[in-house]
Amino acid sequence: MSERKSIDCREYPSESGCTLRIEGTEEEVLDAAVSHAVTSHGHTDNPELREQIRTLLKPAQ
């Protein structure tokens, strides 16, 4: 079983004050976080964004 990962918008302040936390497998979290970053925070889905988000993933608690 692969290690679960998470990312929490509260750790990266934004103008919207987003409080979303995503948890799951690394690929699930990465895909959901990229989608969220694009739709809610105006980012562009590209390899650089995906790599940046991947580096921010933490072990789920």
N, C-alpha and C. Protein backbone atom coordinates (compact mmCIF):
# COMPACT_ATOMS: atom_id res chain seq x y z
N MET A 1 0.84 -1.19 0.00
CA MET A 1 0.00 0.00 0.00
C MET A 1 0.88 1.24 0.00
N SER A 2 0.57 2.18 -0.88
CA SER A 2 1.40 3.37 -0.97
C SER A 2 1.09 4.35 0.16
N GLU A 3 2.07 5.11 0.52
CA GLU A 3 1.93 6.08 1.60
C GLU A 3 0.96 7.18 1.19
N ARG A 4 0.06 7.53 2.09
CA ARG A 4 -0.90 8.60 1.81
C ARG A 4 -0.20 9.94 1.96
N LYS A 5 -0.61 10.89 1.11
CA LYS A 5 -0.05 12.24 1.12
C LYS A 5 -1.17 13.24 1.36
N SER A 6 -0.79 14.47 1.71
CA SER A 6 -1.78 15.52 1.89
C SER A 6 -1.18 16.87 1.51
N ILE A 7 -2.07 17.81 1.27
CA ILE A 7 -1.68 19.20 1.06
C ILE A 7 -2.81 20.05 1.63
N ASP A 8 -2.46 21.16 2.25
CA ASP A 8 -3.44 21.99 2.95
C ASP A 8 -3.25 23.44 2.52
N CYS A 9 -4.27 24.01 1.91
CA CYS A 9 -4.18 25.40 1.44
C CYS A 9 -3.93 26.39 2.58
N ARG A 10 -4.32 26.03 3.79
CA ARG A 10 -4.11 26.94 4.92
C ARG A 10 -2.63 27.20 5.17
N GLU A 11 -1.76 26.31 4.71
CA GLU A 11 -0.32 26.49 4.90
C GLU A 11 0.28 27.42 3.85
N TYR A 12 -0.51 27.81 2.85
CA TYR A 12 -0.04 28.67 1.76
C TYR A 12 -1.06 29.78 1.58
N PRO A 13 -0.95 30.84 2.40
CA PRO A 13 -1.96 31.90 2.40
C PRO A 13 -2.26 32.45 1.00
N SER A 14 -3.54 32.67 0.77
CA SER A 14 -3.98 33.24 -0.50
C SER A 14 -4.99 34.34 -0.21
N GLU A 15 -5.26 35.15 -1.22
CA GLU A 15 -6.22 36.23 -1.07
C GLU A 15 -7.60 35.70 -0.71
N SER A 16 -7.92 34.49 -1.18
CA SER A 16 -9.24 33.93 -0.92
C SER A 16 -9.36 33.33 0.47
N GLY A 17 -8.25 33.14 1.18
CA GLY A 17 -8.29 32.53 2.50
C GLY A 17 -8.75 31.08 2.45
N CYS A 18 -8.37 30.37 1.40
CA CYS A 18 -8.79 29.00 1.16
C CYS A 18 -8.37 28.09 2.32
N THR A 19 -9.27 27.16 2.69
CA THR A 19 -8.98 26.23 3.79
C THR A 19 -9.04 24.77 3.36
N LEU A 20 -9.01 24.50 2.07
CA LEU A 20 -9.13 23.13 1.57
C LEU A 20 -7.92 22.29 1.96
N ARG A 21 -8.18 21.05 2.39
CA ARG A 21 -7.13 20.06 2.65
C ARG A 21 -7.48 18.83 1.82
N ILE A 22 -6.49 18.29 1.12
CA ILE A 22 -6.68 17.13 0.25
C ILE A 22 -5.78 16.02 0.77
N GLU A 23 -6.31 14.78 0.82
CA GLU A 23 -5.53 13.64 1.29
C GLU A 23 -5.86 12.42 0.45
N GLY A 24 -4.84 11.64 0.13
CA GLY A 24 -5.01 10.41 -0.63
C GLY A 24 -3.67 9.91 -1.10
N THR A 25 -3.66 9.07 -2.14
CA THR A 25 -2.38 8.65 -2.69
C THR A 25 -1.70 9.86 -3.32
N GLU A 26 -0.39 9.75 -3.54
CA GLU A 26 0.33 10.89 -4.11
C GLU A 26 -0.28 11.36 -5.42
N GLU A 27 -0.59 10.43 -6.30
CA GLU A 27 -1.15 10.83 -7.60
C GLU A 27 -2.55 11.41 -7.47
N GLU A 28 -3.38 10.86 -6.58
CA GLU A 28 -4.72 11.42 -6.36
C GLU A 28 -4.62 12.85 -5.84
N VAL A 29 -3.76 13.06 -4.86
CA VAL A 29 -3.62 14.39 -4.28
C VAL A 29 -3.05 15.36 -5.31
N LEU A 30 -2.04 14.91 -6.04
CA LEU A 30 -1.45 15.79 -7.05
C LEU A 30 -2.48 16.22 -8.08
N ASP A 31 -3.24 15.27 -8.63
CA ASP A 31 -4.26 15.60 -9.64
C ASP A 31 -5.31 16.55 -9.08
N ALA A 32 -5.81 16.26 -7.86
CA ALA A 32 -6.84 17.10 -7.25
C ALA A 32 -6.29 18.49 -6.91
N ALA A 33 -5.06 18.54 -6.42
CA ALA A 33 -4.46 19.83 -6.05
C ALA A 33 -4.21 20.69 -7.28
N VAL A 34 -3.76 20.09 -8.36
CA VAL A 34 -3.55 20.85 -9.60
C VAL A 34 -4.88 21.38 -10.11
N SER A 35 -5.90 20.54 -10.13
CA SER A 35 -7.23 20.98 -10.56
C SER A 35 -7.73 22.13 -9.70
N HIS A 36 -7.56 22.01 -8.40
CA HIS A 36 -7.98 23.06 -7.47
C HIS A 36 -7.19 24.35 -7.70
N ALA A 37 -5.87 24.22 -7.89
CA ALA A 37 -5.03 25.40 -8.12
C ALA A 37 -5.46 26.15 -9.37
N VAL A 38 -5.87 25.40 -10.39
CA VAL A 38 -6.30 26.01 -11.65
C VAL A 38 -7.67 26.67 -11.49
N THR A 39 -8.64 25.91 -10.96
CA THR A 39 -10.02 26.42 -10.91
C THR A 39 -10.25 27.44 -9.81
N SER A 40 -9.57 27.31 -8.69
CA SER A 40 -9.83 28.20 -7.56
C SER A 40 -8.80 29.31 -7.37
N HIS A 41 -7.58 29.07 -7.86
CA HIS A 41 -6.52 30.05 -7.61
C HIS A 41 -5.93 30.66 -8.88
N GLY A 42 -6.46 30.28 -10.04
CA GLY A 42 -6.06 30.92 -11.29
C GLY A 42 -4.72 30.50 -11.85
N HIS A 43 -4.16 29.40 -11.37
CA HIS A 43 -2.88 28.92 -11.90
C HIS A 43 -3.10 28.22 -13.24
N THR A 44 -2.03 28.03 -13.99
CA THR A 44 -2.07 27.32 -15.26
C THR A 44 -1.50 25.92 -15.07
N ASP A 45 -2.23 24.92 -15.56
CA ASP A 45 -1.77 23.53 -15.45
C ASP A 45 -0.62 23.32 -16.42
N ASN A 46 0.57 23.12 -15.89
CA ASN A 46 1.74 22.84 -16.71
C ASN A 46 2.71 22.00 -15.87
N PRO A 47 3.74 21.45 -16.50
CA PRO A 47 4.68 20.60 -15.75
C PRO A 47 5.32 21.31 -14.56
N GLU A 48 5.57 22.60 -14.67
CA GLU A 48 6.20 23.33 -13.57
C GLU A 48 5.27 23.40 -12.37
N LEU A 49 3.98 23.67 -12.60
CA LEU A 49 3.02 23.71 -11.49
C LEU A 49 2.93 22.35 -10.83
N ARG A 50 2.83 21.29 -11.64
CA ARG A 50 2.73 19.94 -11.09
C ARG A 50 3.96 19.60 -10.24
N GLU A 51 5.15 19.96 -10.69
CA GLU A 51 6.36 19.66 -9.92
C GLU A 51 6.40 20.49 -8.64
N GLN A 52 5.98 21.75 -8.73
CA GLN A 52 5.96 22.60 -7.53
C GLN A 52 5.00 22.02 -6.49
N ILE A 53 3.80 21.63 -6.92
CA ILE A 53 2.84 21.06 -5.99
C ILE A 53 3.37 19.74 -5.43
N ARG A 54 3.98 18.91 -6.27
CA ARG A 54 4.51 17.63 -5.79
C ARG A 54 5.51 17.85 -4.65
N THR A 55 6.32 18.90 -4.72
CA THR A 55 7.31 19.16 -3.66
C THR A 55 6.65 19.63 -2.36
N LEU A 56 5.39 20.09 -2.44
CA LEU A 56 4.68 20.58 -1.25
C LEU A 56 3.89 19.50 -0.54
N LEU A 57 3.77 18.31 -1.15
CA LEU A 57 3.00 17.22 -0.53
C LEU A 57 3.71 16.73 0.72
N LYS A 58 2.92 16.41 1.73
CA LYS A 58 3.46 15.92 2.99
C LYS A 58 2.82 14.58 3.32
N PRO A 59 3.47 13.78 4.16
CA PRO A 59 2.83 12.54 4.60
C PRO A 59 1.52 12.87 5.32
N ALA A 60 0.48 12.12 5.03
CA ALA A 60 -0.81 12.34 5.69
C ALA A 60 -0.70 11.98 7.17
N GLN A 61 -1.43 12.69 8.00
CA GLN A 61 -1.38 12.47 9.45
C GLN A 61 -2.66 11.85 9.93
